[in-house]
């Protein structure tokens, strides 16, 4: 029997790569887990509206579990949610799409241990290998668009760009990690091999979110 796990899900390319890798390895991903401040309705990770994350779950035929929490109670509520999901789905672990930041891995391992499940890192690599990982994504058949950029690293012109070969070339001319591992940019995946339907997007205008700019979507639908 396949191991039943949940996947920490932001909606971007890294967690999508993690999902694809996990499925190839024989895991059964029973839920996509994301976190959102209760009063905002946007994810902590990418600032994306939770309905856009639920749309991905529908397209992937995987239930989305939104953990509504505050910054102060983030870890405690995450652990409580993992304990709930363990009971609901009989999961043995949670997977994360982190690449090389040790502090992120330490947090994930601690929260998983607190819920008495395993922490899985299917993409774990080195900082030097991130360009190759970005090229792997471009060649994977998945499609993703840049939805958020850090003001101190990338300007507004990067918003709305597809993650393609031109992006791979241009990101190397910046100070950003090729994969944006330190939040230099974030993406939204809208189509690919595991999607039963494509998410059709109509782009809106950028908004300012503290030290980042976020591209909004005017409309979206499954086709």
C-alpha atoms as a PDB file:
ATOM      1  CA  UNK A   1       0.000   0.000   0.000  1.00  0.00           C
ATOM      2  CA  UNK A   2       1.255   3.476  -0.873  1.00  0.00           C
ATOM      3  CA  UNK A   3       2.261   5.774   1.951  1.00  0.00           C
ATOM      4  CA  UNK A   4      -0.451   8.364   2.555  1.00  0.00           C
ATOM      5  CA  UNK A   5       0.919  11.853   3.121  1.00  0.00           C
ATOM      6  CA  UNK A   6      -0.056  15.501   2.885  1.00  0.00           C
ATOM      7  CA  UNK A   7       1.925  18.185   1.057  1.00  0.00           C
ATOM      8  CA  UNK A   8       2.612  21.724   2.215  1.00  0.00           C
ATOM      9  CA  UNK A   9       1.213  23.762  -0.681  1.00  0.00           C
ATOM     10  CA  UNK A  10       1.800  27.386  -1.680  1.00  0.00           C
ATOM     11  CA  UNK A  11       0.507  27.153  -5.233  1.00  0.00           C
ATOM     12  CA  UNK A  12       3.918  27.705  -6.795  1.00  0.00           C
ATOM     13  CA  UNK A  13       6.408  25.746  -8.866  1.00  0.00           C
ATOM     14  CA  UNK A  14       8.427  24.232  -5.990  1.00  0.00           C
ATOM     15  CA  UNK A  15       5.509  22.497  -4.287  1.00  0.00           C
ATOM     16  CA  UNK A  16       4.250  21.421  -7.711  1.00  0.00           C
ATOM     17  CA  UNK A  17       7.632  19.838  -8.483  1.00  0.00           C
ATOM     18  CA  UNK A  18       7.487  18.181  -5.079  1.00  0.00           C
ATOM     19  CA  UNK A  19       4.010  16.798  -5.829  1.00  0.00           C
ATOM     20  CA  UNK A  20       5.118  15.370  -9.170  1.00  0.00           C
ATOM     21  CA  UNK A  21       8.210  13.791  -7.595  1.00  0.00           C
ATOM     22  CA  UNK A  22       6.204  12.278  -4.739  1.00  0.00           C
ATOM     23  CA  UNK A  23       3.655  10.751  -7.114  1.00  0.00           C
ATOM     24  CA  UNK A  24       6.482   9.279  -9.195  1.00  0.00           C
ATOM     25  CA  UNK A  25       7.960   7.809  -6.002  1.00  0.00           C
ATOM     26  CA  UNK A  26       4.672   6.085  -5.200  1.00  0.00           C
ATOM     27  CA  UNK A  27       3.336   8.304  -2.415  1.00  0.00           C
ATOM     28  CA  UNK A  28      -0.397   8.965  -2.165  1.00  0.00           C
ATOM     29  CA  UNK A  29      -0.852  12.689  -1.568  1.00  0.00           C
ATOM     30  CA  UNK A  30      -4.267  12.944   0.091  1.00  0.00           C
ATOM     31  CA  UNK A  31      -4.383  16.680   0.835  1.00  0.00           C
ATOM     32  CA  UNK A  32      -2.667  19.954  -0.043  1.00  0.00           C
ATOM     33  CA  UNK A  33      -2.069  22.008   3.103  1.00  0.00           C
ATOM     34  CA  UNK A  34      -1.801  25.787   3.038  1.00  0.00           C
ATOM     35  CA  UNK A  35      -1.851  28.485   5.703  1.00  0.00           C
ATOM     36  CA  UNK A  36      -3.715  31.786   5.666  1.00  0.00           C
ATOM     37  CA  UNK A  37      -4.360  34.605   8.143  1.00  0.00           C
ATOM     38  CA  UNK A  38      -8.031  34.214   9.007  1.00  0.00           C
ATOM     39  CA  UNK A  39      -8.908  37.855   8.442  1.00  0.00           C
ATOM     40  CA  UNK A  40      -7.173  38.233   5.060  1.00  0.00           C
ATOM     41  CA  UNK A  41      -8.099  35.138   3.073  1.00  0.00           C
ATOM     42  CA  UNK A  42      -4.660  35.122   1.457  1.00  0.00           C
ATOM     43  CA  UNK A  43      -1.927  32.566   1.924  1.00  0.00           C
ATOM     44  CA  UNK A  44       1.006  33.302   4.207  1.00  0.00           C
ATOM     45  CA  UNK A  45       3.488  32.051   1.626  1.00  0.00           C
ATOM     46  CA  UNK A  46       2.582  33.850  -1.588  1.00  0.00           C
ATOM     47  CA  UNK A  47      -0.171  36.259  -0.637  1.00  0.00           C
ATOM     48  CA  UNK A  48      -2.493  34.432  -3.029  1.00  0.00           C
ATOM     49  CA  UNK A  49      -6.240  34.344  -2.470  1.00  0.00           C
ATOM     50  CA  UNK A  50      -7.289  31.029  -0.965  1.00  0.00           C
ATOM     51  CA  UNK A  51      -9.898  30.482  -3.682  1.00  0.00           C
ATOM     52  CA  UNK A  52      -7.044  30.334  -6.213  1.00  0.00           C
ATOM     53  CA  UNK A  53      -5.422  27.565  -4.160  1.00  0.00           C
ATOM     54  CA  UNK A  54      -8.712  25.666  -3.965  1.00  0.00           C
ATOM     55  CA  UNK A  55      -8.981  25.955  -7.751  1.00  0.00           C
ATOM     56  CA  UNK A  56      -5.618  24.206  -8.076  1.00  0.00           C
ATOM     57  CA  UNK A  57      -6.810  21.471  -5.756  1.00  0.00           C
ATOM     58  CA  UNK A  58      -9.890  20.982  -7.927  1.00  0.00           C
ATOM     59  CA  UNK A  59      -7.757  20.841 -11.076  1.00  0.00           C
ATOM     60  CA  UNK A  60      -5.432  18.309  -9.425  1.00  0.00           C
ATOM     61  CA  UNK A  61      -8.282  16.319  -7.828  1.00  0.00           C
ATOM     62  CA  UNK A  62      -6.646  16.665  -4.398  1.00  0.00           C
ATOM     63  CA  UNK A  63      -8.513  18.227  -1.434  1.00  0.00           C
ATOM     64  CA  UNK A  64      -7.105  21.484  -0.061  1.00  0.00           C
ATOM     65  CA  UNK A  65      -6.892  22.002   3.698  1.00  0.00           C
ATOM     66  CA  UNK A  66      -6.538  25.660   4.709  1.00  0.00           C
ATOM     67  CA  UNK A  67      -5.094  26.285   8.161  1.00  0.00           C
ATOM     68  CA  UNK A  68      -6.490  29.607   9.345  1.00  0.00           C
ATOM     69  CA  UNK A  69      -3.972  30.982  11.814  1.00  0.00           C
ATOM     70  CA  UNK A  70      -2.124  34.027  13.079  1.00  0.00           C
ATOM     71  CA  UNK A  71       1.595  34.717  12.879  1.00  0.00           C
ATOM     72  CA  UNK A  72       1.872  34.309  16.659  1.00  0.00           C
ATOM     73  CA  UNK A  73       0.064  30.959  16.734  1.00  0.00           C
ATOM     74  CA  UNK A  74       1.368  29.700  13.374  1.00  0.00           C
ATOM     75  CA  UNK A  75       3.392  26.720  14.590  1.00  0.00           C
ATOM     76  CA  UNK A  76       0.895  25.548  17.229  1.00  0.00           C
ATOM     77  CA  UNK A  77      -2.020  25.672  14.799  1.00  0.00           C
ATOM     78  CA  UNK A  78       0.031  23.946  12.103  1.00  0.00           C
ATOM     79  CA  UNK A  79       0.784  21.077  14.479  1.00  0.00           C
ATOM     80  CA  UNK A  80      -2.874  20.858  15.509  1.00  0.00           C
ATOM     81  CA  UNK A  81      -3.865  20.673  11.836  1.00  0.00           C
ATOM     82  CA  UNK A  82      -1.355  17.886  11.194  1.00  0.00           C
ATOM     83  CA  UNK A  83      -2.778  15.934  14.128  1.00  0.00           C
ATOM     84  CA  UNK A  84      -6.284  16.410  12.702  1.00  0.00           C
ATOM     85  CA  UNK A  85      -5.173  15.311   9.222  1.00  0.00           C
ATOM     86  CA  UNK A  86      -3.390  12.300  10.688  1.00  0.00           C
ATOM     87  CA  UNK A  87      -6.669  11.157  12.218  1.00  0.00           C
ATOM     88  CA  UNK A  88      -8.738  11.992   9.144  1.00  0.00           C
ATOM     89  CA  UNK A  89      -6.528  10.459   6.462  1.00  0.00           C
ATOM     90  CA  UNK A  90      -4.245   8.078   8.430  1.00  0.00           C
ATOM     91  CA  UNK A  91      -1.192   9.882   7.051  1.00  0.00           C
ATOM     92  CA  UNK A  92       2.369   8.908   7.891  1.00  0.00           C
ATOM     93  CA  UNK A  93       4.053  12.149   6.885  1.00  0.00           C
ATOM     94  CA  UNK A  94       4.033  15.639   5.452  1.00  0.00           C
ATOM     95  CA  UNK A  95       6.153  16.706   2.482  1.00  0.00           C
ATOM     96  CA  UNK A  96       7.633  20.142   1.873  1.00  0.00           C
ATOM     97  CA  UNK A  97       8.972  21.745  -1.305  1.00  0.00           C
ATOM     98  CA  UNK A  98      11.915  23.462   0.399  1.00  0.00           C
ATOM     99  CA  UNK A  99      15.235  23.256  -1.422  1.00  0.00           C
ATOM    100  CA  UNK A 100      18.209  24.181   0.759  1.00  0.00           C
ATOM    101  CA  UNK A 101      17.413  26.587   3.615  1.00  0.00           C
ATOM    102  CA  UNK A 102      18.304  24.711   6.799  1.00  0.00           C
ATOM    103  CA  UNK A 103      16.072  26.835   9.052  1.00  0.00           C
ATOM    104  CA  UNK A 104      13.035  25.946   6.950  1.00  0.00           C
ATOM    105  CA  UNK A 105      13.851  22.256   7.157  1.00  0.00           C
ATOM    106  CA  UNK A 106      14.407  22.422  10.903  1.00  0.00           C
ATOM    107  CA  UNK A 107      10.971  24.010  11.396  1.00  0.00           C
ATOM    108  CA  UNK A 108       9.285  21.423   9.180  1.00  0.00           C
ATOM    109  CA  UNK A 109      10.945  18.524  10.952  1.00  0.00           C
ATOM    110  CA  UNK A 110      10.000  19.900  14.382  1.00  0.00           C
ATOM    111  CA  UNK A 111       6.343  20.407  13.470  1.00  0.00           C
ATOM    112  CA  UNK A 112       6.111  16.954  11.903  1.00  0.00           C
ATOM    113  CA  UNK A 113       7.753  15.375  14.962  1.00  0.00           C
ATOM    114  CA  UNK A 114       5.278  17.192  17.227  1.00  0.00           C
ATOM    115  CA  UNK A 115       2.453  15.511  15.300  1.00  0.00           C
ATOM    116  CA  UNK A 116       4.329  12.180  15.352  1.00  0.00           C
ATOM    117  CA  UNK A 117       4.656  11.939  11.565  1.00  0.00           C
ATOM    118  CA  UNK A 118       7.595  12.038   9.146  1.00  0.00           C
ATOM    119  CA  UNK A 119       8.905  15.125   7.346  1.00  0.00           C
ATOM    120  CA  UNK A 120       9.732  14.484   3.682  1.00  0.00           C
ATOM    121  CA  UNK A 121      11.821  16.752   1.443  1.00  0.00           C
ATOM    122  CA  UNK A 122      11.714  15.310  -2.084  1.00  0.00           C
ATOM    123  CA  UNK A 123      13.554  18.244  -3.710  1.00  0.00           C
ATOM    124  CA  UNK A 124      16.261  18.825  -1.078  1.00  0.00           C
ATOM    125  CA  UNK A 125      19.417  19.935  -2.848  1.00  0.00           C
ATOM    126  CA  UNK A 126      22.212  22.515  -2.691  1.00  0.00           C
ATOM    127  CA  UNK A 127      22.138  26.212  -3.502  1.00  0.00           C
ATOM    128  CA  UNK A 128      24.440  25.521  -6.449  1.00  0.00           C
ATOM    129  CA  UNK A 129      21.967  23.115  -8.035  1.00  0.00           C
ATOM    130  CA  UNK A 130      19.026  25.538  -8.210  1.00  0.00           C
ATOM    131  CA  UNK A 131      19.627  26.603 -11.806  1.00  0.00           C
ATOM    132  CA  UNK A 132      19.353  22.963 -12.853  1.00  0.00           C
ATOM    133  CA  UNK A 133      16.134  22.616 -10.847  1.00  0.00           C
ATOM    134  CA  UNK A 134      14.665  25.640 -12.616  1.00  0.00           C
ATOM    135  CA  UNK A 135      15.582  24.144 -15.987  1.00  0.00           C
ATOM    136  CA  UNK A 136      13.965  20.871 -14.889  1.00  0.00           C
ATOM    137  CA  UNK A 137      10.742  22.727 -14.137  1.00  0.00           C
ATOM    138  CA  UNK A 138      10.753  24.451 -17.531  1.00  0.00           C
ATOM    139  CA  UNK A 139      11.091  21.050 -19.189  1.00  0.00           C
ATOM    140  CA  UNK A 140       8.518  19.335 -16.954  1.00  0.00           C
ATOM    141  CA  UNK A 141       5.382  20.270 -18.861  1.00  0.00           C
ATOM    142  CA  UNK A 142       4.014  22.420 -16.042  1.00  0.00           C
ATOM    143  CA  UNK A 143       3.174  26.068 -16.648  1.00  0.00           C
ATOM    144  CA  UNK A 144       3.693  28.766 -14.046  1.00  0.00           C
ATOM    145  CA  UNK A 145       3.493  32.536 -13.943  1.00  0.00           C
ATOM    146  CA  UNK A 146       5.328  35.011 -11.677  1.00  0.00           C
ATOM    147  CA  UNK A 147       2.807  36.503  -9.244  1.00  0.00           C
ATOM    148  CA  UNK A 148       4.943  38.201  -6.588  1.00  0.00           C
ATOM    149  CA  UNK A 149       8.364  39.870  -6.442  1.00  0.00           C
ATOM    150  CA  UNK A 150      10.489  41.331  -3.675  1.00  0.00           C
ATOM    151  CA  UNK A 151      10.999  45.058  -4.234  1.00  0.00           C
ATOM    152  CA  UNK A 152      14.667  44.939  -3.253  1.00  0.00           C
ATOM    153  CA  UNK A 153      15.529  42.248  -5.830  1.00  0.00           C
ATOM    154  CA  UNK A 154      13.177  42.310  -8.842  1.00  0.00           C
ATOM    155  CA  UNK A 155      11.089  45.118 -10.316  1.00  0.00           C
ATOM    156  CA  UNK A 156       7.472  45.093 -11.404  1.00  0.00           C
ATOM    157  CA  UNK A 157       8.316  44.056 -14.980  1.00  0.00           C
ATOM    158  CA  UNK A 158       8.889  40.486 -13.758  1.00  0.00           C
ATOM    159  CA  UNK A 159       5.239  40.121 -12.727  1.00  0.00           C
ATOM    160  CA  UNK A 160       3.229  38.105 -15.219  1.00  0.00           C
ATOM    161  CA  UNK A 161       6.252  36.442 -16.774  1.00  0.00           C
ATOM    162  CA  UNK A 162       6.052  32.775 -17.640  1.00  0.00           C
ATOM    163  CA  UNK A 163       8.664  30.415 -16.224  1.00  0.00           C
ATOM    164  CA  UNK A 164      10.283  29.498 -19.539  1.00  0.00           C
ATOM    165  CA  UNK A 165      13.702  29.410 -21.178  1.00  0.00           C
ATOM    166  CA  UNK A 166      13.802  33.213 -21.483  1.00  0.00           C
ATOM    167  CA  UNK A 167      13.103  33.481 -17.756  1.00  0.00           C
ATOM    168  CA  UNK A 168      15.951  31.053 -17.028  1.00  0.00           C
ATOM    169  CA  UNK A 169      18.340  33.224 -19.026  1.00  0.00           C
ATOM    170  CA  UNK A 170      17.203  36.524 -17.509  1.00  0.00           C
ATOM    171  CA  UNK A 171      17.078  35.448 -13.854  1.00  0.00           C
ATOM    172  CA  UNK A 172      20.778  34.642 -14.039  1.00  0.00           C
ATOM    173  CA  UNK A 173      21.475  38.333 -14.689  1.00  0.00           C
ATOM    174  CA  UNK A 174      19.991  39.268 -11.298  1.00  0.00           C
ATOM    175  CA  UNK A 175      21.014  38.694  -7.674  1.00  0.00           C
ATOM    176  CA  UNK A 176      18.047  36.351  -7.181  1.00  0.00           C
ATOM    177  CA  UNK A 177      18.401  32.671  -6.461  1.00  0.00           C
ATOM    178  CA  UNK A 178      17.327  31.037  -9.744  1.00  0.00           C
ATOM    179  CA  UNK A 179      14.484  29.283  -7.907  1.00  0.00           C
ATOM    180  CA  UNK A 180      13.617  32.271  -5.700  1.00  0.00           C
ATOM    181  CA  UNK A 181      14.239  30.220  -2.568  1.00  0.00           C
ATOM    182  CA  UNK A 182      14.549  33.310  -0.348  1.00  0.00           C
ATOM    183  CA  UNK A 183      11.263  34.745  -1.593  1.00  0.00           C
ATOM    184  CA  UNK A 184      12.788  36.844  -4.380  1.00  0.00           C
ATOM    185  CA  UNK A 185       9.827  35.805  -6.508  1.00  0.00           C
ATOM    186  CA  UNK A 186       6.799  33.545  -6.236  1.00  0.00           C
ATOM    187  CA  UNK A 187       4.786  31.726  -8.881  1.00  0.00           C
ATOM    188  CA  UNK A 188       1.372  30.235  -9.553  1.00  0.00           C
ATOM    189  CA  UNK A 189       1.089  26.934 -11.455  1.00  0.00           C
ATOM    190  CA  UNK A 190      -1.959  26.665 -13.713  1.00  0.00           C
ATOM    191  CA  UNK A 191      -1.422  23.622 -15.929  1.00  0.00           C
ATOM    192  CA  UNK A 192       0.669  20.490 -16.298  1.00  0.00           C
ATOM    193  CA  UNK A 193       0.790  16.686 -16.382  1.00  0.00           C
ATOM    194  CA  UNK A 194      -1.115  16.095 -13.119  1.00  0.00           C
ATOM    195  CA  UNK A 195      -3.790  18.698 -13.881  1.00  0.00           C
ATOM    196  CA  UNK A 196      -7.067  17.212 -15.116  1.00  0.00           C
ATOM    197  CA  UNK A 197      -8.066  20.701 -16.268  1.00  0.00           C
ATOM    198  CA  UNK A 198      -6.163  23.890 -17.060  1.00  0.00           C
ATOM    199  CA  UNK A 199      -6.771  27.036 -15.025  1.00  0.00           C
ATOM    200  CA  UNK A 200      -7.469  29.879 -17.434  1.00  0.00           C
ATOM    201  CA  UNK A 201      -6.272  33.173 -15.993  1.00  0.00           C
ATOM    202  CA  UNK A 202      -7.107  36.782 -16.808  1.00  0.00           C
ATOM    203  CA  UNK A 203      -4.377  39.038 -15.444  1.00  0.00           C
ATOM    204  CA  UNK A 204      -5.199  42.106 -13.399  1.00  0.00           C
ATOM    205  CA  UNK A 205      -3.118  44.907 -11.891  1.00  0.00           C
ATOM    206  CA  UNK A 206      -0.254  44.664  -9.368  1.00  0.00           C
ATOM    207  CA  UNK A 207      -0.860  45.624  -5.753  1.00  0.00           C
ATOM    208  CA  UNK A 208       1.684  46.597  -3.109  1.00  0.00           C
ATOM    209  CA  UNK A 209       2.031  44.215  -0.146  1.00  0.00           C
ATOM    210  CA  UNK A 210       4.528  45.669   2.336  1.00  0.00           C
ATOM    211  CA  UNK A 211       7.945  45.043   0.698  1.00  0.00           C
ATOM    212  CA  UNK A 212       6.629  43.080  -2.281  1.00  0.00           C
ATOM    213  CA  UNK A 213       4.409  43.560  -5.307  1.00  0.00           C
ATOM    214  CA  UNK A 214       1.676  41.017  -6.072  1.00  0.00           C
ATOM    215  CA  UNK A 215      -0.024  40.407  -9.407  1.00  0.00           C
ATOM    216  CA  UNK A 216      -3.780  39.991  -9.049  1.00  0.00           C
ATOM    217  CA  UNK A 217      -6.019  37.891 -11.275  1.00  0.00           C
ATOM    218  CA  UNK A 218      -9.166  39.487 -12.707  1.00  0.00           C
ATOM    219  CA  UNK A 219     -10.791  36.144 -13.268  1.00  0.00           C
ATOM    220  CA  UNK A 220     -10.031  32.427 -13.375  1.00  0.00           C
ATOM    221  CA  UNK A 221     -11.826  29.272 -14.481  1.00  0.00           C
ATOM    222  CA  UNK A 222     -11.155  25.626 -15.205  1.00  0.00           C
ATOM    223  CA  UNK A 223     -11.223  24.665 -18.869  1.00  0.00           C
END
